[in-house]
Amino acid sequence: MPRILPNESLLLALTLSLLISLVAWKFYLLTLSGALSALAIGFCIVGFGGFSWALILVLFFTTSSILSKLFPDLKEKVSEKYSKGSQRDWGQVLANGAFGALLAIAFRFSGENAIYWVAFCGAMASVTADTWATELGVLSPYPPRRINNGQIVEVGSSGGVSLYGTLAATCGGLIIGMVAWYLSPVALAPSWIFIITISGLFGAMTDSLLGATWQAIFYCPGCNKETERFPVHRCGRYTHLIRGYSWLNNDWVNFISSLAGSLIPVCLWFIL
């Protein structure tokens, strides 16, 4: 079995991951379980992937954390629909980063096959695009529409899309695409910026489609509102399933969307 990394590099990966996780926990960006999960994810991505992989991960986490703290008054109005708050727990960390960690490990043991790098970039573009759409979509002056049938829905509803949210998703994917192309450990044509951007948008749209169809959505009889929260809503009343699969919560939707975001760059890697 090939040696993974020198001991000094593994120590550096552990130190950086620990530092970032502690800072995020200290500033209430992560719960304790989220910080511990981020430590494991960060160690795998930094230790097995390297500098470029680490910066893509940090870019996603930093921008997502900043955006989650903006416009608190607007977000308070729709927070009752979300299953969790802005402080990310272990489920959210794994949903957004576990696939990337697996790709980093595969990258190292494959002899640094570049296909795992472009797959990673597509996956990270997806989770970034989806997060940007969620955090900035609330600014839209027009109500969102459900992606599968065009029905007008309340802001924050699963499966709802808007022009603002779509533009935000595109920008999030573009940021990852540009940085990924610039930092790529292998030579990539500039067209890969566009490919990764589209991959991010595709992943975000996959998230919305799952949210509109198969994701578990519950109903609170006390508030007379749909929500992702289960089993108890913010008002203290128990919620019950009204559509979707009970096991397919938002964390699973995010994880599946990151897989979807990696498909386009992987397919085009074989073609190009």
Foldseek 3Di string as FASTA:
>chain_A
DDDQDPPVQLVVQLVVLLVVLVVCCVVLQAPPQQSVLSSVLSSLQCRQAHDLSNVLVCVLSVVLLVLLPPPVVLVVVQVLFEQDHSHHHNLQNCLLRVVLSVLSNVCRVVVNDCLSLLLSLLLSLQLSLQSQLLSFVSVDPDFFAQPPPRHGDHRNQQRTGDPRSLVSSLVSQLVSLVSCQVSPPDHDDNCSSVQSSVLNSQLNNQRSNCSRAAEWWWAFPVVRDIHLHPQAGPVGGGIDTDHHDPVRGSSNSSNVSSNSSSVRSSVVVVVD
